[in-house]
Amino acid sequence: LVFFDRHNPQALRIRIVFSLKNRGAYVPFHHQFLLAQTIKGLILIGGNKDYADYKQFNFSGLKGQIKISRKGLHFFSSKITLVFSAADKAFLDYFLGVLFAQKELSIGNLQLVPEAVENEDPVTITDSVKFLCISPIVLLPGTFNDDNAKRFISPQEDEFSDLLYDSTIARMEASGKYTAEQLADFYKFQVVADQEYLNRIQSSHKKFARIYPVYDSDVKFEVRGYTFPFTMYAPQPVQQFVYEHGIGHFSHKGFGMLDVANTDSKTSQSESKEEFNYA
């Protein structure tokens, strides 16, 4: 086990490395709910009741060498990674302790062995950042027997940015780390989609918005998730928050995780290649 640097201010965003025992095994194309169930199970079996309802974390989809079939995503690499971010170091220590106490995890058909933890490469966050989605962004909170969360909203519409602004400020306020005066100062906020990417996806008859299953207390409902590069214009603290905590709804269920484009990070490089496969 390689421990992350506790003195690194960005060390709460890490990459968990697993060994894959059965190459060629697969998970469903939309597998965030399987990861969410696994992570929730690990939190509970650890026995710390303080974290039973903890939600201040975010994670990506599984990353590795993949091939796509009708069954889903088949993984052929010996290593699979998961980017994981948490707001609280104590929680992260607790979670990693429980995770690495497991000899093996089964996610879909994958048999995974926890192997190491690596730091995410440090990035510079400013008030203008081009982000990649390494898990889908959910604009609307879904509930049982309600189709509103499946409604398509064009990224070019003001409503797209407005909904992300509302949910981001609400989450920043709930974190307790910002004063009312600071939050009131964070009014500048705009998400601008990479139009060239959207045109390329649409001309190849692929999709950047899909319906995803979400489970809450074993109740299934569906939400629409969006995956495309975009530039965000907002004050630096807001940019830092979404980089560390995700953007949109259901970050604790693996939605809305972002990476910074045009960096040397392993995640960014692999994601820029995989984006077209996932779309």
Protein backbone atom coordinates (compact mmCIF):
# COMPACT_ATOMS: atom_id res chain seq x y z
CA LEU A 1 0.00 0.00 0.00
CA VAL A 2 1.38 3.39 -1.03
CA PHE A 3 0.02 6.06 1.30
CA PHE A 4 -0.78 9.51 -0.04
CA ASP A 5 1.11 12.57 1.14
CA ARG A 6 -0.84 14.00 4.03
CA HIS A 7 0.98 17.34 3.67
CA ASN A 8 -0.24 17.85 0.11
CA PRO A 9 -3.26 20.21 0.20
CA GLN A 10 -4.71 18.36 -2.81
CA ALA A 11 -4.00 14.92 -1.35
CA LEU A 12 -7.67 14.35 -0.54
CA ARG A 13 -8.06 13.57 -4.22
CA ILE A 14 -6.41 10.23 -4.89
CA ARG A 15 -6.29 7.37 -7.36
CA ILE A 16 -6.98 3.87 -6.03
CA VAL A 17 -5.26 1.10 -7.99
CA PHE A 18 -6.73 -2.40 -8.19
CA SER A 19 -5.34 -5.59 -9.70
CA LEU A 20 -7.81 -7.33 -11.99
CA LYS A 21 -7.86 -11.10 -11.44
CA ASN A 22 -10.09 -12.01 -14.38
CA ARG A 23 -9.15 -10.05 -17.52
CA GLY A 24 -11.95 -9.74 -20.03
CA ALA A 25 -14.60 -9.49 -17.30
CA TYR A 26 -17.11 -6.68 -17.59
CA VAL A 27 -19.33 -4.19 -15.85
CA PRO A 28 -22.49 -2.64 -17.29
CA PHE A 29 -21.94 0.43 -19.46
CA HIS A 30 -23.55 2.49 -16.68
CA HIS A 31 -21.79 1.15 -13.59
CA GLN A 32 -21.75 4.11 -11.21
CA PHE A 33 -24.55 2.55 -9.17
CA LEU A 34 -22.47 -0.61 -8.63
CA LEU A 35 -19.54 1.48 -7.39
CA ALA A 36 -21.85 3.51 -5.14
CA GLN A 37 -23.29 0.33 -3.60
CA THR A 38 -19.81 -1.09 -3.03
CA ILE A 39 -18.50 2.12 -1.42
CA LYS A 40 -21.59 2.42 0.78
CA GLY A 41 -21.13 -1.20 1.85
CA LEU A 42 -17.50 -0.58 2.78
CA ILE A 43 -18.43 2.49 4.83
CA LEU A 44 -21.04 0.49 6.76
CA ILE A 45 -18.98 -2.65 7.44
CA GLY A 46 -16.24 -0.46 8.90
CA GLY A 47 -18.60 0.08 11.82
CA ASN A 48 -18.03 3.82 12.36
CA LYS A 49 -21.56 5.15 12.81
CA ASP A 50 -20.35 8.74 12.39
CA TYR A 51 -19.88 8.00 8.68
CA ALA A 52 -23.06 5.98 8.09
CA ASP A 53 -24.67 8.90 6.25
CA TYR A 54 -21.51 10.71 5.15
CA LYS A 55 -21.84 12.13 1.65
CA GLN A 56 -18.88 14.50 1.21
CA PHE A 57 -17.05 12.36 -1.33
CA ASN A 58 -16.93 11.85 -5.07
CA PHE A 59 -15.55 9.23 -7.44
CA SER A 60 -15.03 8.48 -11.12
CA GLY A 61 -15.96 5.49 -13.21
CA LEU A 62 -13.49 2.60 -13.42
CA LYS A 63 -10.59 3.28 -15.76
CA GLY A 64 -8.45 0.81 -17.69
CA GLN A 65 -8.01 -0.73 -21.12
CA ILE A 66 -11.53 -1.49 -22.30
CA LYS A 67 -13.48 -2.97 -25.15
CA ILE A 68 -17.18 -2.34 -25.58
CA SER A 69 -19.73 -5.08 -26.25
CA ARG A 70 -23.46 -5.40 -25.83
CA LYS A 71 -22.84 -6.64 -22.30
CA GLY A 72 -20.95 -3.52 -21.30
CA LEU A 73 -17.33 -2.53 -20.72
CA HIS A 74 -14.80 -5.38 -20.79
CA PHE A 75 -11.52 -4.67 -18.99
CA PHE A 76 -8.31 -6.19 -20.36
CA SER A 77 -5.66 -4.32 -18.36
CA SER A 78 -3.99 -5.92 -15.35
CA LYS A 79 -4.61 -2.72 -13.36
CA ILE A 80 -7.83 -0.73 -12.95
CA THR A 81 -8.01 2.68 -11.32
CA LEU A 82 -10.67 4.69 -9.54
CA VAL A 83 -10.27 8.39 -8.79
CA PHE A 84 -11.68 9.18 -5.33
CA SER A 85 -12.00 12.52 -3.55
CA ALA A 86 -13.17 13.34 -0.04
CA ALA A 87 -13.63 16.55 1.91
CA ASP A 88 -12.45 15.05 5.20
CA LYS A 89 -9.03 13.45 5.77
CA ALA A 90 -10.33 11.44 8.75
CA PHE A 91 -13.04 9.92 6.57
CA LEU A 92 -10.56 9.13 3.80
CA ASP A 93 -8.24 7.39 6.27
CA TYR A 94 -11.19 5.40 7.59
CA PHE A 95 -12.44 4.43 4.14
CA LEU A 96 -9.00 3.35 2.90
CA GLY A 97 -8.48 1.30 6.04
CA VAL A 98 -11.70 -0.62 5.42
CA LEU A 99 -11.02 -0.95 1.68
CA PHE A 100 -7.54 -2.41 2.09
CA ALA A 101 -8.77 -4.85 4.72
CA GLN A 102 -10.67 -6.58 1.90
CA LYS A 103 -8.86 -9.36 0.07
CA GLU A 104 -11.06 -8.96 -2.98
CA LEU A 105 -14.01 -6.92 -4.27
CA SER A 106 -16.57 -8.01 -6.85
CA ILE A 107 -17.99 -5.22 -8.99
CA GLY A 108 -20.13 -6.53 -11.82
CA ASN A 109 -18.13 -9.48 -13.12
CA LEU A 110 -14.81 -7.91 -12.14
CA GLN A 111 -12.73 -9.50 -9.38
CA LEU A 112 -10.62 -6.67 -8.00
CA VAL A 113 -7.82 -6.72 -5.44
CA PRO A 114 -6.99 -3.36 -3.76
CA GLU A 115 -3.31 -2.73 -4.41
CA ALA A 116 -2.18 0.88 -3.91
CA VAL A 117 -3.12 4.52 -3.47
CA GLU A 118 -1.51 7.26 -5.55
CA ASN A 119 -1.73 11.03 -5.37
CA GLU A 120 -3.51 12.77 -8.17
CA ASP A 121 -1.00 15.07 -9.83
CA PRO A 122 -1.35 18.64 -8.50
CA VAL A 123 -3.11 21.07 -10.83
CA THR A 124 -3.46 24.84 -10.88
CA ILE A 125 -7.03 26.04 -10.53
CA THR A 126 -7.88 29.58 -11.70
CA ASP A 127 -11.11 31.45 -12.42
CA SER A 128 -11.25 29.97 -15.94
CA VAL A 129 -10.80 26.20 -16.21
CA LYS A 130 -11.43 23.69 -18.99
CA PHE A 131 -12.81 20.54 -17.40
CA LEU A 132 -13.31 16.99 -18.61
CA CYS A 133 -16.11 14.86 -17.18
CA ILE A 134 -14.79 11.61 -15.73
CA SER A 135 -18.29 10.72 -14.61
CA PRO A 136 -21.62 12.13 -15.87
CA ILE A 137 -23.04 15.43 -14.60
CA VAL A 138 -26.60 15.29 -13.23
CA LEU A 139 -28.50 18.59 -13.38
CA LEU A 140 -31.76 17.61 -11.69
CA PRO A 141 -32.33 15.59 -8.50
CA GLY A 142 -34.29 12.44 -9.35
CA THR A 143 -36.95 10.89 -7.18
CA PHE A 144 -39.04 7.76 -7.44
CA ASN A 145 -41.75 7.81 -10.13
CA ASP A 146 -40.72 11.26 -11.39
CA ASP A 147 -39.51 11.74 -14.96
CA ASN A 148 -38.42 15.37 -14.52
CA ALA A 149 -34.81 14.39 -13.84
CA LYS A 150 -34.66 12.74 -17.28
CA ARG A 151 -35.51 15.99 -19.06
CA PHE A 152 -32.91 17.03 -21.63
CA ILE A 153 -31.48 20.52 -21.23
CA SER A 154 -29.14 21.81 -23.91
CA PRO A 155 -25.73 22.90 -22.61
CA GLN A 156 -26.18 26.06 -24.69
CA GLU A 157 -29.21 27.12 -22.64
CA ASP A 158 -28.82 29.44 -19.64
CA GLU A 159 -30.80 26.93 -17.57
CA PHE A 160 -27.88 24.47 -17.79
CA SER A 161 -25.48 26.88 -16.04
CA ASP A 162 -28.20 28.15 -13.69
CA LEU A 163 -28.99 24.68 -12.36
CA LEU A 164 -25.30 23.90 -11.82
CA TYR A 165 -24.81 27.24 -10.07
CA ASP A 166 -27.76 26.63 -7.72
CA SER A 167 -26.62 23.14 -6.74
CA THR A 168 -22.97 24.21 -6.35
CA ILE A 169 -23.74 27.15 -4.06
CA ALA A 170 -26.14 24.99 -2.02
CA ARG A 171 -23.44 22.35 -1.55
CA MET A 172 -20.80 24.96 -0.69
CA GLU A 173 -23.15 26.41 1.92
CA ALA A 174 -23.90 22.94 3.35
CA SER A 175 -20.17 22.26 3.70
CA GLY A 176 -19.96 24.98 6.37
CA LYS A 177 -16.62 26.19 5.01
CA TYR A 178 -17.83 29.47 3.50
CA THR A 179 -19.43 32.54 5.05
CA ALA A 180 -22.66 34.06 3.74
CA GLU A 181 -20.60 37.01 2.50
CA GLN A 182 -18.27 34.73 0.54
CA LEU A 183 -21.15 32.82 -1.00
CA ALA A 184 -22.85 36.07 -2.02
CA ASP A 185 -19.61 37.06 -3.74
CA PHE A 186 -19.61 33.90 -5.87
CA TYR A 187 -22.26 35.14 -8.30
CA LYS A 188 -20.11 34.87 -11.43
CA PHE A 189 -20.69 31.41 -12.86
CA GLN A 190 -20.97 30.15 -16.41
CA VAL A 191 -20.44 26.79 -18.08
CA VAL A 192 -19.53 26.92 -21.79
CA ALA A 193 -19.61 23.60 -23.62
CA ASP A 194 -16.88 22.63 -26.08
CA GLN A 195 -18.96 23.16 -29.21
CA GLU A 196 -16.47 21.42 -31.49
CA TYR A 197 -16.74 18.28 -29.36
CA LEU A 198 -20.56 18.39 -29.34
CA ASN A 199 -20.64 18.83 -33.13
CA ARG A 200 -18.26 15.90 -33.58
CA ILE A 201 -20.30 13.65 -31.28
CA GLN A 202 -23.59 14.54 -32.95
CA SER A 203 -22.22 14.16 -36.49
CA SER A 204 -21.03 10.64 -35.59
CA HIS A 205 -24.52 9.83 -34.19
CA LYS A 206 -23.20 9.34 -30.67
CA LYS A 207 -24.55 10.82 -27.45
CA PHE A 208 -23.22 13.13 -24.76
CA ALA A 209 -26.38 12.81 -22.62
CA ARG A 210 -27.78 9.51 -21.38
CA ILE A 211 -30.19 8.12 -18.82
CA TYR A 212 -28.52 6.57 -15.76
CA PRO A 213 -29.96 4.46 -12.93
CA VAL A 214 -29.62 5.72 -9.36
CA TYR A 215 -30.55 3.83 -6.21
CA ASP A 216 -31.52 5.42 -2.92
CA SER A 217 -32.48 3.14 -0.01
CA ASP A 218 -32.84 0.33 -2.57
CA VAL A 219 -35.35 2.36 -4.58
CA LYS A 220 -34.39 2.77 -8.24
CA PHE A 221 -34.99 5.94 -10.21
CA GLU A 222 -33.44 7.44 -13.32
CA VAL A 223 -31.61 10.67 -14.07
CA ARG A 224 -30.04 12.24 -17.14
CA GLY A 225 -26.27 12.58 -17.09
CA TYR A 226 -24.10 14.70 -19.40
CA THR A 227 -20.50 13.95 -20.42
CA PHE A 228 -18.59 16.54 -22.45
CA PRO A 229 -15.65 18.96 -22.07
CA PHE A 230 -16.51 22.49 -20.99
CA THR A 231 -14.91 25.69 -19.79
CA MET A 232 -16.16 27.06 -16.50
CA TYR A 233 -15.93 30.73 -15.57
CA ALA A 234 -16.27 31.27 -11.82
CA PRO A 235 -14.23 32.55 -8.85
CA GLN A 236 -11.25 30.34 -7.99
CA PRO A 237 -12.76 28.98 -4.72
CA VAL A 238 -15.81 27.76 -6.65
CA GLN A 239 -13.60 26.10 -9.27
CA GLN A 240 -11.54 24.45 -6.51
CA PHE A 241 -14.70 23.19 -4.81
CA VAL A 242 -16.11 21.49 -7.90
CA TYR A 243 -12.70 19.98 -8.74
CA GLU A 244 -12.49 18.47 -5.26
CA HIS A 245 -16.18 17.72 -4.65
CA GLY A 246 -17.71 17.23 -8.10
CA ILE A 247 -20.45 19.26 -9.74
CA GLY A 248 -24.21 18.76 -9.92
CA HIS A 249 -26.26 16.25 -7.95
CA PHE A 250 -25.36 12.82 -6.53
CA SER A 251 -21.61 13.34 -6.19
CA HIS A 252 -21.61 10.73 -3.41
CA LYS A 253 -23.10 8.28 -5.91
CA GLY A 254 -20.30 8.83 -8.41
CA PHE A 255 -21.66 11.62 -10.59
CA GLY A 256 -20.14 14.93 -11.56
CA MET A 257 -16.45 14.15 -11.09
CA LEU A 258 -14.21 16.44 -13.13
CA ASP A 259 -10.61 16.55 -14.25
CA VAL A 260 -8.69 19.50 -15.64
CA ALA A 261 -8.02 19.29 -19.38
CA ASN A 262 -4.60 19.88 -20.93
CA THR A 263 -2.63 18.70 -17.91
CA ASP A 264 -0.03 15.98 -17.62
CA SER A 265 -2.14 13.96 -15.17
CA LYS A 266 -2.61 10.30 -15.95
CA THR A 267 -6.35 10.66 -15.54
CA SER A 268 -6.64 13.59 -17.93
CA GLN A 269 -4.56 11.90 -20.61
CA SER A 270 -6.49 8.64 -20.48
CA GLU A 271 -9.83 10.39 -20.21
CA SER A 272 -9.26 12.53 -23.30
CA LYS A 273 -8.85 9.29 -25.23
CA GLU A 274 -11.69 7.43 -23.53
CA GLU A 275 -14.24 10.22 -23.82
CA PHE A 276 -15.01 9.24 -27.39
CA ASN A 277 -15.45 5.61 -26.45
CA TYR A 278 -17.89 6.42 -23.67
CA ALA A 279 -19.93 8.96 -25.59
